[in-house]
Amino acid sequence: EVRLVESGGDLVQSGGSLTLSCAGSGFSVDDYAIGWFRQAPGKERKRLSCISRALGTRYSEDSVKGRFTITKDNAKNTVYLQMNSLTPEDTALYSCAADIERSDCTGTLSYWGQGTQVTVSS
């Protein structure tokens, strides 16, 4: 059973920090590209970051570059998203997904977590 479970979402004040976790089970997160995505109400889901053995780390949104950091702990089979200097515009449902096709998280995202809510207040 392949599963991804996100955790760490919370209500945080503007300027604060938060670390999200994406725990894999039934597979090794090192075997696939793992991406972080977010979706705000009424908006399209956006790819934020991706980590893979082949390409390392990549960031897709200019607004998060320099503020968000994606890391991976293979021993814990978990991918993390460290988020700093949060603003209300970062409020969204954050999800992780495994790409079984490509190394840049733009391929077939076969496995998704349920998401974790991040709400940033002013």
PDB file of N, CA and C in Angstrom:
ATOM      1  N   GLU A   1       0.832  -1.178   0.000  1.00  0.00           N
ATOM      2  CA  GLU A   1       0.000   0.000   0.000  1.00  0.00           C
ATOM      3  C   GLU A   1       0.880   1.245   0.000  1.00  0.00           C
ATOM      4  N   VAL A   2       0.820   1.996  -1.087  1.00  0.00           N
ATOM      5  CA  VAL A   2       1.585   3.220  -1.218  1.00  0.00           C
ATOM      6  C   VAL A   2       0.762   4.369  -0.654  1.00  0.00           C
ATOM      7  N   ARG A   3       1.371   5.122   0.235  1.00  0.00           N
ATOM      8  CA  ARG A   3       0.642   6.198   0.878  1.00  0.00           C
ATOM      9  C   ARG A   3       1.574   7.353   1.202  1.00  0.00           C
ATOM     10  N   LEU A   4       1.034   8.557   1.095  1.00  0.00           N
ATOM     11  CA  LEU A   4       1.706   9.768   1.525  1.00  0.00           C
ATOM     12  C   LEU A   4       0.797  10.489   2.509  1.00  0.00           C
ATOM     13  N   VAL A   5       1.358  10.911   3.609  1.00  0.00           N
ATOM     14  CA  VAL A   5       0.588  11.589   4.639  1.00  0.00           C
ATOM     15  C   VAL A   5       1.294  12.876   5.016  1.00  0.00           C
ATOM     16  N   GLU A   6       0.598  13.995   4.836  1.00  0.00           N
ATOM     17  CA  GLU A   6       1.142  15.297   5.206  1.00  0.00           C
ATOM     18  C   GLU A   6       0.770  15.632   6.643  1.00  0.00           C
ATOM     19  N   SER A   7       1.619  16.403   7.268  1.00  0.00           N
ATOM     20  CA  SER A   7       1.338  16.901   8.603  1.00  0.00           C
ATOM     21  C   SER A   7       2.106  18.194   8.818  1.00  0.00           C
ATOM     22  N   GLY A   8       1.751  18.890   9.863  1.00  0.00           N
ATOM     23  CA  GLY A   8       2.457  20.110  10.234  1.00  0.00           C
ATOM     24  C   GLY A   8       1.733  21.396   9.941  1.00  0.00           C
ATOM     25  N   GLY A   9       0.627  21.329   9.207  1.00  0.00           N
ATOM     26  CA  GLY A   9      -0.129  22.536   8.923  1.00  0.00           C
ATOM     27  C   GLY A   9      -0.718  23.119  10.195  1.00  0.00           C
ATOM     28  N   ASP A  10      -0.825  24.442  10.215  1.00  0.00           N
ATOM     29  CA  ASP A  10      -1.282  25.104  11.425  1.00  0.00           C
ATOM     30  C   ASP A  10      -1.690  26.531  11.106  1.00  0.00           C
ATOM     31  N   LEU A  11      -2.236  27.189  12.100  1.00  0.00           N
ATOM     32  CA  LEU A  11      -2.485  28.617  12.039  1.00  0.00           C
ATOM     33  C   LEU A  11      -1.253  29.321  12.583  1.00  0.00           C
ATOM     34  N   VAL A  12      -0.690  30.214  11.785  1.00  0.00           N
ATOM     35  CA  VAL A  12       0.535  30.891  12.167  1.00  0.00           C
ATOM     36  C   VAL A  12       0.417  32.364  11.817  1.00  0.00           C
ATOM     37  N   GLN A  13       1.068  33.198  12.587  1.00  0.00           N
ATOM     38  CA  GLN A  13       1.047  34.630  12.332  1.00  0.00           C
ATOM     39  C   GLN A  13       1.969  35.003  11.185  1.00  0.00           C
ATOM     40  N   SER A  14       1.633  36.083  10.531  1.00  0.00           N
ATOM     41  CA  SER A  14       2.468  36.592   9.454  1.00  0.00           C
ATOM     42  C   SER A  14       3.896  36.811   9.953  1.00  0.00           C
ATOM     43  N   GLY A  15       4.846  36.368   9.156  1.00  0.00           N
ATOM     44  CA  GLY A  15       6.243  36.460   9.534  1.00  0.00           C
ATOM     45  C   GLY A  15       6.774  35.224  10.217  1.00  0.00           C
ATOM     46  N   GLY A  16       5.896  34.318  10.569  1.00  0.00           N
ATOM     47  CA  GLY A  16       6.291  33.110  11.253  1.00  0.00           C
ATOM     48  C   GLY A  16       6.803  32.042  10.322  1.00  0.00           C
ATOM     49  N   SER A  17       7.161  30.917  10.914  1.00  0.00           N
ATOM     50  CA  SER A  17       7.709  29.789  10.178  1.00  0.00           C
ATOM     51  C   SER A  17       6.943  28.523  10.504  1.00  0.00           C
ATOM     52  N   LEU A  18       7.027  27.587   9.590  1.00  0.00           N
ATOM     53  CA  LEU A  18       6.334  26.324   9.759  1.00  0.00           C
ATOM     54  C   LEU A  18       7.061  25.271   8.934  1.00  0.00           C
ATOM     55  N   THR A  19       7.114  24.062   9.449  1.00  0.00           N
ATOM     56  CA  THR A  19       7.707  22.952   8.723  1.00  0.00           C
ATOM     57  C   THR A  19       6.650  21.884   8.482  1.00  0.00           C
ATOM     58  N   LEU A  20       6.441  21.562   7.226  1.00  0.00           N
ATOM     59  CA  LEU A  20       5.509  20.518   6.850  1.00  0.00           C
ATOM     60  C   LEU A  20       6.256  19.220   6.598  1.00  0.00           C
ATOM     61  N   SER A  21       5.601  18.109   6.890  1.00  0.00           N
ATOM     62  CA  SER A  21       6.179  16.795   6.668  1.00  0.00           C
ATOM     63  C   SER A  21       5.320  16.003   5.701  1.00  0.00           C
ATOM     64  N   CYS A  22       5.979  15.221   4.878  1.00  0.00           N
ATOM     65  CA  CYS A  22       5.318  14.317   3.949  1.00  0.00           C
ATOM     66  C   CYS A  22       5.918  12.942   4.163  1.00  0.00           C
ATOM     67  N   ALA A  23       5.204  12.115   4.891  1.00  0.00           N
ATOM     68  CA  ALA A  23       5.696  10.793   5.257  1.00  0.00           C
ATOM     69  C   ALA A  23       5.210   9.746   4.262  1.00  0.00           C
ATOM     70  N   GLY A  24       6.144   9.015   3.700  1.00  0.00           N
ATOM     71  CA  GLY A  24       5.801   7.962   2.757  1.00  0.00           C
ATOM     72  C   GLY A  24       5.746   6.610   3.430  1.00  0.00           C
ATOM     73  N   SER A  25       4.914   5.751   2.899  1.00  0.00           N
ATOM     74  CA  SER A  25       4.847   4.368   3.346  1.00  0.00           C
ATOM     75  C   SER A  25       4.527   3.486   2.150  1.00  0.00           C
ATOM     76  N   GLY A  26       5.010   2.261   2.198  1.00  0.00           N
ATOM     77  CA  GLY A  26       4.798   1.351   1.091  1.00  0.00           C
ATOM     78  C   GLY A  26       5.754   1.556  -0.067  1.00  0.00           C
ATOM     79  N   PHE A  27       6.631   2.522   0.037  1.00  0.00           N
ATOM     80  CA  PHE A  27       7.640   2.801  -0.985  1.00  0.00           C
ATOM     81  C   PHE A  27       8.699   3.692  -0.366  1.00  0.00           C
ATOM     82  N   SER A  28       9.779   3.851  -1.068  1.00  0.00           N
ATOM     83  CA  SER A  28      10.844   4.738  -0.621  1.00  0.00           C
ATOM     84  C   SER A  28      10.714   6.075  -1.330  1.00  0.00           C
ATOM     85  N   VAL A  29      10.719   7.162  -0.562  1.00  0.00           N
ATOM     86  CA  VAL A  29      10.622   8.481  -1.179  1.00  0.00           C
ATOM     87  C   VAL A  29      11.852   8.801  -2.010  1.00  0.00           C
ATOM     88  N   ASP A  30      12.902   8.045  -1.825  1.00  0.00           N
ATOM     89  CA  ASP A  30      14.115   8.253  -2.603  1.00  0.00           C
ATOM     90  C   ASP A  30      13.994   7.662  -4.005  1.00  0.00           C
ATOM     91  N   ASP A  31      12.980   6.831  -4.235  1.00  0.00           N
ATOM     92  CA  ASP A  31      12.809   6.184  -5.533  1.00  0.00           C
ATOM     93  C   ASP A  31      12.014   7.027  -6.523  1.00  0.00           C
ATOM     94  N   TYR A  32      11.354   8.058  -6.048  1.00  0.00           N
ATOM     95  CA  TYR A  32      10.540   8.914  -6.895  1.00  0.00           C
ATOM     96  C   TYR A  32      10.824  10.372  -6.619  1.00  0.00           C
ATOM     97  N   ALA A  33      10.456  11.211  -7.568  1.00  0.00           N
ATOM     98  CA  ALA A  33      10.437  12.642  -7.313  1.00  0.00           C
ATOM     99  C   ALA A  33       9.245  12.961  -6.423  1.00  0.00           C
ATOM    100  N   ILE A  34       9.487  13.725  -5.381  1.00  0.00           N
ATOM    101  CA  ILE A  34       8.440  14.118  -4.449  1.00  0.00           C
ATOM    102  C   ILE A  34       8.272  15.631  -4.521  1.00  0.00           C
ATOM    103  N   GLY A  35       7.049  16.062  -4.739  1.00  0.00           N
ATOM    104  CA  GLY A  35       6.781  17.485  -4.866  1.00  0.00           C
ATOM    105  C   GLY A  35       5.825  17.994  -3.811  1.00  0.00           C
ATOM    106  N   TRP A  36       5.980  19.268  -3.498  1.00  0.00           N
ATOM    107  CA  TRP A  36       5.028  19.984  -2.653  1.00  0.00           C
ATOM    108  C   TRP A  36       4.192  20.904  -3.526  1.00  0.00           C
ATOM    109  N   PHE A  37       2.900  20.906  -3.278  1.00  0.00           N
ATOM    110  CA  PHE A  37       1.941  21.710  -4.019  1.00  0.00           C
ATOM    111  C   PHE A  37       1.049  22.445  -3.027  1.00  0.00           C
ATOM    112  N   ARG A  38       0.420  23.506  -3.501  1.00  0.00           N
ATOM    113  CA  ARG A  38      -0.563  24.174  -2.666  1.00  0.00           C
ATOM    114  C   ARG A  38      -1.714  24.688  -3.525  1.00  0.00           C
ATOM    115  N   GLN A  39      -2.870  24.765  -2.905  1.00  0.00           N
ATOM    116  CA  GLN A  39      -4.052  25.250  -3.586  1.00  0.00           C
ATOM    117  C   GLN A  39      -4.849  26.129  -2.636  1.00  0.00           C
ATOM    118  N   ALA A  40      -5.011  27.369  -3.025  1.00  0.00           N
ATOM    119  CA  ALA A  40      -5.849  28.298  -2.290  1.00  0.00           C
ATOM    120  C   ALA A  40      -7.267  28.216  -2.823  1.00  0.00           C
ATOM    121  N   PRO A  41      -8.260  28.578  -2.023  1.00  0.00           N
ATOM    122  CA  PRO A  41      -9.646  28.503  -2.473  1.00  0.00           C
ATOM    123  C   PRO A  41      -9.882  29.278  -3.768  1.00  0.00           C
ATOM    124  N   GLY A  42     -10.521  28.623  -4.734  1.00  0.00           N
ATOM    125  CA  GLY A  42     -10.837  29.264  -5.997  1.00  0.00           C
ATOM    126  C   GLY A  42      -9.676  29.410  -6.955  1.00  0.00           C
ATOM    127  N   LYS A  43      -8.532  28.859  -6.619  1.00  0.00           N
ATOM    128  CA  LYS A  43      -7.356  28.983  -7.465  1.00  0.00           C
ATOM    129  C   LYS A  43      -6.837  27.617  -7.876  1.00  0.00           C
ATOM    130  N   GLU A  44      -6.030  27.616  -8.915  1.00  0.00           N
ATOM    131  CA  GLU A  44      -5.427  26.390  -9.395  1.00  0.00           C
ATOM    132  C   GLU A  44      -4.355  25.900  -8.433  1.00  0.00           C
ATOM    133  N   ARG A  45      -4.182  24.596  -8.422  1.00  0.00           N
ATOM    134  CA  ARG A  45      -3.116  24.024  -7.638  1.00  0.00           C
ATOM    135  C   ARG A  45      -1.778  24.380  -8.272  1.00  0.00           C
ATOM    136  N   LYS A  46      -0.849  24.803  -7.448  1.00  0.00           N
ATOM    137  CA  LYS A  46       0.452  25.222  -7.931  1.00  0.00           C
ATOM    138  C   LYS A  46       1.542  24.314  -7.389  1.00  0.00           C
ATOM    139  N   ARG A  47       2.482  23.997  -8.235  1.00  0.00           N
ATOM    140  CA  ARG A  47       3.655  23.256  -7.814  1.00  0.00           C
ATOM    141  C   ARG A  47       4.636  24.218  -7.171  1.00  0.00           C
ATOM    142  N   LEU A  48       5.079  23.899  -5.987  1.00  0.00           N
ATOM    143  CA  LEU A  48       5.994  24.762  -5.257  1.00  0.00           C
ATOM    144  C   LEU A  48       7.443  24.311  -5.372  1.00  0.00           C
ATOM    145  N   SER A  49       7.649  23.033  -5.164  1.00  0.00           N
ATOM    146  CA  SER A  49       9.007  22.531  -5.082  1.00  0.00           C
ATOM    147  C   SER A  49       9.023  21.044  -5.369  1.00  0.00           C
ATOM    148  N   CYS A  50      10.186  20.556  -5.722  1.00  0.00           N
ATOM    149  CA  CYS A  50      10.348  19.153  -6.074  1.00  0.00           C
ATOM    150  C   CYS A  50      11.730  18.697  -5.645  1.00  0.00           C
ATOM    151  N   ILE A  51      11.810  17.474  -5.203  1.00  0.00           N
ATOM    152  CA  ILE A  51      13.103  16.902  -4.844  1.00  0.00           C
ATOM    153  C   ILE A  51      13.195  15.491  -5.411  1.00  0.00           C
ATOM    154  N   SER A  52      14.324  15.199  -6.006  1.00  0.00           N
ATOM    155  CA  SER A  52      14.557  13.891  -6.595  1.00  0.00           C
ATOM    156  C   SER A  52      16.036  13.580  -6.576  1.00  0.00           C
ATOM    157  N   ARG A  53      16.330  12.310  -6.680  1.00  0.00           N
ATOM    158  CA  ARG A  53      17.720  11.894  -6.697  1.00  0.00           C
ATOM    159  C   ARG A  53      18.436  12.409  -7.941  1.00  0.00           C
ATOM    160  N   ALA A  54      17.725  12.427  -9.063  1.00  0.00           N
ATOM    161  CA  ALA A  54      18.340  12.798 -10.323  1.00  0.00           C
ATOM    162  C   ALA A  54      18.616  14.285 -10.433  1.00  0.00           C
ATOM    163  N   LEU A  55      17.677  15.121  -9.994  1.00  0.00           N
ATOM    164  CA  LEU A  55      17.770  16.557 -10.231  1.00  0.00           C
ATOM    165  C   LEU A  55      17.969  17.376  -8.971  1.00  0.00           C
ATOM    166  N   GLY A  56      17.937  16.750  -7.823  1.00  0.00           N
ATOM    167  CA  GLY A  56      18.080  17.510  -6.598  1.00  0.00           C
ATOM    168  C   GLY A  56      16.829  18.301  -6.286  1.00  0.00           C
ATOM    169  N   THR A  57      17.003  19.519  -5.835  1.00  0.00           N
ATOM    170  CA  THR A  57      15.880  20.358  -5.444  1.00  0.00           C
ATOM    171  C   THR A  57      15.590  21.412  -6.499  1.00  0.00           C
ATOM    172  N   ARG A  58      14.303  21.693  -6.677  1.00  0.00           N
ATOM    173  CA  ARG A  58      13.837  22.693  -7.630  1.00  0.00           C
ATOM    174  C   ARG A  58      12.677  23.456  -7.014  1.00  0.00           C
ATOM    175  N   TYR A  59      12.581  24.737  -7.372  1.00  0.00           N
ATOM    176  CA  TYR A  59      11.516  25.591  -6.865  1.00  0.00           C
ATOM    177  C   TYR A  59      10.792  26.219  -8.044  1.00  0.00           C
ATOM    178  N   SER A  60       9.468  26.112  -8.041  1.00  0.00           N
ATOM    179  CA  SER A  60       8.660  26.490  -9.191  1.00  0.00           C
ATOM    180  C   SER A  60       7.991  27.855  -9.065  1.00  0.00           C
ATOM    181  N   GLU A  61       7.799  28.334  -7.858  1.00  0.00           N
ATOM    182  CA  GLU A  61       7.131  29.600  -7.623  1.00  0.00           C
ATOM    183  C   GLU A  61       8.128  30.660  -7.179  1.00  0.00           C
ATOM    184  N   ASP A  62       8.155  31.774  -7.906  1.00  0.00           N
ATOM    185  CA  ASP A  62       9.058  32.853  -7.543  1.00  0.00           C
ATOM    186  C   ASP A  62       8.773  33.383  -6.143  1.00  0.00           C
ATOM    187  N   SER A  63       7.506  33.333  -5.742  1.00  0.00           N
ATOM    188  CA  SER A  63       7.123  33.883  -4.454  1.00  0.00           C
ATOM    189  C   SER A  63       7.668  33.092  -3.274  1.00  0.00           C
ATOM    190  N   VAL A  64       8.070  31.845  -3.499  1.00  0.00           N
ATOM    191  CA  VAL A  64       8.567  31.018  -2.403  1.00  0.00           C
ATOM    192  C   VAL A  64      10.073  30.819  -2.455  1.00  0.00           C
ATOM    193  N   LYS A  65      10.687  31.185  -3.556  1.00  0.00           N
ATOM    194  CA  LYS A  65      12.134  31.038  -3.656  1.00  0.00           C
ATOM    195  C   LYS A  65      12.820  31.899  -2.605  1.00  0.00           C
ATOM    196  N   GLY A  66      13.726  31.291  -1.877  1.00  0.00           N
ATOM    197  CA  GLY A  66      14.413  31.994  -0.815  1.00  0.00           C
ATOM    198  C   GLY A  66      13.708  31.924   0.513  1.00  0.00           C
ATOM    199  N   ARG A  67      12.440  31.537   0.518  1.00  0.00           N
ATOM    200  CA  ARG A  67      11.679  31.419   1.763  1.00  0.00           C
ATOM    201  C   ARG A  67      11.374  29.972   2.123  1.00  0.00           C
ATOM    202  N   PHE A  68      11.149  29.147   1.108  1.00  0.00           N
ATOM    203  CA  PHE A  68      10.797  27.745   1.331  1.00  0.00           C
ATOM    204  C   PHE A  68      11.979  26.863   0.957  1.00  0.00           C
ATOM    205  N   THR A  69      12.164  25.808   1.714  1.00  0.00           N
ATOM    206  CA  THR A  69      13.237  24.862   1.460  1.00  0.00           C
ATOM    207  C   THR A  69      12.693  23.446   1.533  1.00  0.00           C
ATOM    208  N   ILE A  70      12.939  22.672   0.498  1.00  0.00           N
ATOM    209  CA  ILE A  70      12.519  21.274   0.489  1.00  0.00           C
ATOM    210  C   ILE A  70      13.720  20.405   0.823  1.00  0.00           C
ATOM    211  N   THR A  71      13.508  19.447   1.707  1.00  0.00           N
ATOM    212  CA  THR A  71      14.556  18.521   2.108  1.00  0.00           C
ATOM    213  C   THR A  71      13.976  17.120   2.204  1.00  0.00           C
ATOM    214  N   LYS A  72      14.855  16.153   2.327  1.00  0.00           N
ATOM    215  CA  LYS A  72      14.430  14.761   2.393  1.00  0.00           C
ATOM    216  C   LYS A  72      15.301  14.007   3.385  1.00  0.00           C
ATOM    217  N   ASP A  73      14.660  13.189   4.179  1.00  0.00           N
ATOM    218  CA  ASP A  73      15.344  12.318   5.122  1.00  0.00           C
ATOM    219  C   ASP A  73      14.985  10.890   4.737  1.00  0.00           C
ATOM    220  N   ASN A  74      15.876  10.240   4.030  1.00  0.00           N
ATOM    221  CA  ASN A  74      15.595   8.893   3.555  1.00  0.00           C
ATOM    222  C   ASN A  74      15.447   7.896   4.698  1.00  0.00           C
ATOM    223  N   ALA A  75      16.186   8.109   5.775  1.00  0.00           N
ATOM    224  CA  ALA A  75      16.094   7.212   6.920  1.00  0.00           C
ATOM    225  C   ALA A  75      14.694   7.228   7.521  1.00  0.00           C
ATOM    226  N   LYS A  76      14.053   8.395   7.493  1.00  0.00           N
ATOM    227  CA  LYS A  76      12.697   8.530   8.004  1.00  0.00           C
ATOM    228  C   LYS A  76      11.653   8.412   6.908  1.00  0.00           C
ATOM    229  N   ASN A  77      12.110   8.261   5.658  1.00  0.00           N
ATOM    230  CA  ASN A  77      11.213   8.156   4.509  1.00  0.00           C
ATOM    231  C   ASN A  77      10.243   9.336   4.473  1.00  0.00           C
ATOM    232  N   THR A  78      10.783  10.518   4.696  1.00  0.00           N
ATOM    233  CA  THR A  78       9.959  11.710   4.826  1.00  0.00           C
ATOM    234  C   THR A  78      10.580  12.875   4.062  1.00  0.00           C
ATOM    235  N   VAL A  79       9.732  13.641   3.392  1.00  0.00           N
ATOM    236  CA  VAL A  79      10.124  14.874   2.729  1.00  0.00           C
ATOM    237  C   VAL A  79       9.538  16.042   3.513  1.00  0.00           C
ATOM    238  N   TYR A  80      10.320  17.096   3.658  1.00  0.00           N
ATOM    239  CA  TYR A  80       9.915  18.243   4.444  1.00  0.00           C
ATOM    240  C   TYR A  80       9.843  19.499   3.584  1.00  0.00           C
ATOM    241  N   LEU A  81       9.042  20.433   4.039  1.00  0.00           N
ATOM    242  CA  LEU A  81       9.004  21.761   3.450  1.00  0.00           C
ATOM    243  C   LEU A  81       9.117  22.768   4.581  1.00  0.00           C
ATOM    244  N   GLN A  82      10.272  23.397   4.676  1.00  0.00           N
ATOM    245  CA  GLN A  82      10.493  24.443   5.661  1.00  0.00           C
ATOM    246  C   GLN A  82      10.046  25.762   5.064  1.00  0.00           C
ATOM    247  N   MET A  83       9.128  26.434   5.739  1.00  0.00           N
ATOM    248  CA  MET A  83       8.549  27.671   5.242  1.00  0.00           C
ATOM    249  C   MET A  83       8.857  28.792   6.227  1.00  0.00           C
ATOM    250  N   ASN A  84       9.452  29.845   5.712  1.00  0.00           N
ATOM    251  CA  ASN A  84       9.816  30.998   6.527  1.00  0.00           C
ATOM    252  C   ASN A  84       9.151  32.256   5.995  1.00  0.00           C
ATOM    253  N   SER A  85       9.099  33.275   6.834  1.00  0.00           N
ATOM    254  CA  SER A  85       8.552  34.582   6.461  1.00  0.00           C
ATOM    255  C   SER A  85       7.183  34.454   5.816  1.00  0.00           C
ATOM    256  N   LEU A  86       6.318  33.726   6.461  1.00  0.00           N
ATOM    257  CA  LEU A  86       4.997  33.445   5.909  1.00  0.00           C
ATOM    258  C   LEU A  86       4.133  34.702   5.880  1.00  0.00           C
ATOM    259  N   THR A  87       3.324  34.799   4.844  1.00  0.00           N
ATOM    260  CA  THR A  87       2.375  35.886   4.679  1.00  0.00           C
ATOM    261  C   THR A  87       0.990  35.293   4.454  1.00  0.00           C
ATOM    262  N   PRO A  88      -0.068  36.110   4.591  1.00  0.00           N
ATOM    263  CA  PRO A  88      -1.416  35.592   4.330  1.00  0.00           C
ATOM    264  C   PRO A  88      -1.592  34.995   2.939  1.00  0.00           C
ATOM    265  N   GLU A  89      -0.795  35.425   1.973  1.00  0.00           N
ATOM    266  CA  GLU A  89      -0.880  34.855   0.628  1.00  0.00           C
ATOM    267  C   GLU A  89      -0.400  33.416   0.574  1.00  0.00           C
ATOM    268  N   ASP A  90       0.262  32.958   1.612  1.00  0.00           N
ATOM    269  CA  ASP A  90       0.699  31.570   1.681  1.00  0.00           C
ATOM    270  C   ASP A  90      -0.400  30.652   2.199  1.00  0.00           C
ATOM    271  N   THR A  91      -1.521  31.212   2.604  1.00  0.00           N
ATOM    272  CA  THR A  91      -2.635  30.410   3.098  1.00  0.00           C
ATOM    273  C   THR A  91      -3.160  29.500   1.994  1.00  0.00           C
ATOM    274  N   ALA A  92      -3.167  28.205   2.262  1.00  0.00           N
ATOM    275  CA  ALA A  92      -3.587  27.235   1.256  1.00  0.00           C
ATOM    276  C   ALA A  92      -3.579  25.842   1.870  1.00  0.00           C
ATOM    277  N   LEU A  93      -4.127  24.904   1.124  1.00  0.00           N
ATOM    278  CA  LEU A  93      -3.991  23.500   1.448  1.00  0.00           C
ATOM    279  C   LEU A  93      -2.718  22.992   0.781  1.00  0.00           C
ATOM    280  N   TYR A  94      -1.817  22.493   1.578  1.00  0.00           N
ATOM    281  CA  TYR A  94      -0.532  22.020   1.077  1.00  0.00           C
ATOM    282  C   TYR A  94      -0.545  20.504   0.967  1.00  0.00           C
ATOM    283  N   SER A  95      -0.152  20.005  -0.199  1.00  0.00           N
ATOM    284  CA  SER A  95      -0.157  18.573  -0.459  1.00  0.00           C
ATOM    285  C   SER A  95       1.185  18.142  -1.018  1.00  0.00           C
ATOM    286  N   CYS A  96       1.501  16.880  -0.833  1.00  0.00           N
ATOM    287  CA  CYS A  96       2.674  16.306  -1.462  1.00  0.00           C
ATOM    288  C   CYS A  96       2.248  15.193  -2.396  1.00  0.00           C
ATOM    289  N   ALA A  97       3.082  14.919  -3.374  1.00  0.00           N
ATOM    290  CA  ALA A  97       2.772  13.897  -4.359  1.00  0.00           C
ATOM    291  C   ALA A  97       4.053  13.264  -4.872  1.00  0.00           C
ATOM    292  N   ALA A  98       3.934  12.029  -5.294  1.00  0.00           N
ATOM    293  CA  ALA A  98       5.057  11.287  -5.850  1.00  0.00           C
ATOM    294  C   ALA A  98       4.890  11.151  -7.351  1.00  0.00           C
ATOM    295  N   ASP A  99       5.928  11.516  -8.066  1.00  0.00           N
ATOM    296  CA  ASP A  99       5.933  11.428  -9.517  1.00  0.00           C
ATOM    297  C   ASP A  99       6.646  10.143  -9.909  1.00  0.00           C
ATOM    298  N   ILE A 100       5.910   9.219 -10.496  1.00  0.00           N
ATOM    299  CA  ILE A 100       6.485   7.939 -10.885  1.00  0.00           C
ATOM    300  C   ILE A 100       7.087   7.974 -12.276  1.00  0.00           C
ATOM    301  N   GLU A 101       6.957   9.107 -12.974  1.00  0.00           N
ATOM    302  CA  GLU A 101       7.379   9.203 -14.359  1.00  0.00           C
ATOM    303  C   GLU A 101       8.622  10.055 -14.561  1.00  0.00           C
ATOM    304  N   ARG A 102       8.623  11.248 -13.990  1.00  0.00           N
ATOM    305  CA  ARG A 102       9.688  12.210 -14.229  1.00  0.00           C
ATOM    306  C   ARG A 102      10.352  12.621 -12.924  1.00  0.00           C
ATOM    307  N   SER A 103      11.485  13.251 -13.067  1.00  0.00           N
ATOM    308  CA  SER A 103      12.272  13.661 -11.914  1.00  0.00           C
ATOM    309  C   SER A 103      12.049  15.115 -11.521  1.00  0.00           C
ATOM    310  N   ASP A 104      11.140  15.813 -12.202  1.00  0.00           N
ATOM    311  CA  ASP A 104      10.894  17.221 -11.916  1.00  0.00           C
ATOM    312  C   ASP A 104       9.478  17.492 -11.442  1.00  0.00           C
ATOM    313  N   CYS A 105       8.742  16.457 -11.090  1.00  0.00           N
ATOM    314  CA  CYS A 105       7.381  16.559 -10.562  1.00  0.00           C
ATOM    315  C   CYS A 105       6.398  17.148 -11.561  1.00  0.00           C
ATOM    316  N   THR A 106       6.671  16.990 -12.843  1.00  0.00           N
ATOM    317  CA  THR A 106       5.755  17.431 -13.888  1.00  0.00           C
ATOM    318  C   THR A 106       5.174  16.252 -14.660  1.00  0.00           C
ATOM    319  N   GLY A 107       5.451  15.052 -14.226  1.00  0.00           N
ATOM    320  CA  GLY A 107       4.972  13.863 -14.897  1.00  0.00           C
ATOM    321  C   GLY A 107       3.711  13.308 -14.282  1.00  0.00           C
ATOM    322  N   THR A 108       3.676  12.004 -14.168  1.00  0.00           N
ATOM    323  CA  THR A 108       2.507  11.323 -13.620  1.00  0.00           C
ATOM    324  C   THR A 108       2.592  11.298 -12.102  1.00  0.00           C
ATOM    325  N   LEU A 109       1.737  12.092 -11.477  1.00  0.00           N
ATOM    326  CA  LEU A 109       1.699  12.177 -10.019  1.00  0.00           C
ATOM    327  C   LEU A 109       0.698  11.143  -9.512  1.00  0.00           C
ATOM    328  N   SER A 110       1.171   9.937  -9.339  1.00  0.00           N
ATOM    329  CA  SER A 110       0.281   8.820  -9.041  1.00  0.00           C
ATOM    330  C   SER A 110      -0.195   8.779  -7.598  1.00  0.00           C
ATOM    331  N   TYR A 111       0.606   9.315  -6.697  1.00  0.00           N
ATOM    332  CA  TYR A 111       0.289   9.206  -5.284  1.00  0.00           C
ATOM    333  C   TYR A 111       0.242  10.582  -4.649  1.00  0.00           C
ATOM    334  N   TRP A 112      -0.864  10.849  -3.993  1.00  0.00           N
ATOM    335  CA  TRP A 112      -1.104  12.127  -3.320  1.00  0.00           C
ATOM    336  C   TRP A 112      -1.476  11.905  -1.868  1.00  0.00           C
ATOM    337  N   GLY A 113      -1.073  12.832  -1.037  1.00  0.00           N
ATOM    338  CA  GLY A 113      -1.573  12.855   0.315  1.00  0.00           C
ATOM    339  C   GLY A 113      -2.885  13.612   0.380  1.00  0.00           C
ATOM    340  N   GLN A 114      -3.483  13.638   1.543  1.00  0.00           N
ATOM    341  CA  GLN A 114      -4.754  14.323   1.738  1.00  0.00           C
ATOM    342  C   GLN A 114      -4.598  15.822   1.941  1.00  0.00           C
ATOM    343  N   GLY A 115      -3.398  16.257   2.221  1.00  0.00           N
ATOM    344  CA  GLY A 115      -3.142  17.667   2.394  1.00  0.00           C
ATOM    345  C   GLY A 115      -3.181  18.105   3.840  1.00  0.00           C
ATOM    346  N   THR A 116      -2.519  19.205   4.105  1.00  0.00           N
ATOM    347  CA  THR A 116      -2.525  19.806   5.427  1.00  0.00           C
ATOM    348  C   THR A 116      -2.725  21.309   5.268  1.00  0.00           C
ATOM    349  N   GLN A 117      -3.593  21.862   6.070  1.00  0.00           N
ATOM    350  CA  GLN A 117      -3.986  23.256   5.924  1.00  0.00           C
ATOM    351  C   GLN A 117      -3.006  24.184   6.616  1.00  0.00           C
ATOM    352  N   VAL A 118      -2.579  25.198   5.885  1.00  0.00           N
ATOM    353  CA  VAL A 118      -1.746  26.259   6.434  1.00  0.00           C
ATOM    354  C   VAL A 118      -2.527  27.558   6.334  1.00  0.00           C
ATOM    355  N   THR A 119      -2.716  28.206   7.455  1.00  0.00           N
ATOM    356  CA  THR A 119      -3.412  29.478   7.492  1.00  0.00           C
ATOM    357  C   THR A 119      -2.522  30.509   8.158  1.00  0.00           C
ATOM    358  N   VAL A 120      -2.266  31.594   7.449  1.00  0.00           N
ATOM    359  CA  VAL A 120      -1.394  32.652   7.947  1.00  0.00           C
ATOM    360  C   VAL A 120      -2.245  33.880   8.223  1.00  0.00           C
ATOM    361  N   SER A 121      -2.222  34.322   9.445  1.00  0.00           N
ATOM    362  CA  SER A 121      -2.988  35.490   9.852  1.00  0.00           C
ATOM    363  C   SER A 121      -2.088  36.715   9.891  1.00  0.00           C
ATOM    364  N   SER A 122      -2.725  37.878   9.779  1.00  0.00           N
ATOM    365  CA  SER A 122      -1.983  39.126   9.822  1.00  0.00           C
ATOM    366  C   SER A 122      -1.871  39.670  11.228  1.00  0.00           C
TER     367      SER A 122
END
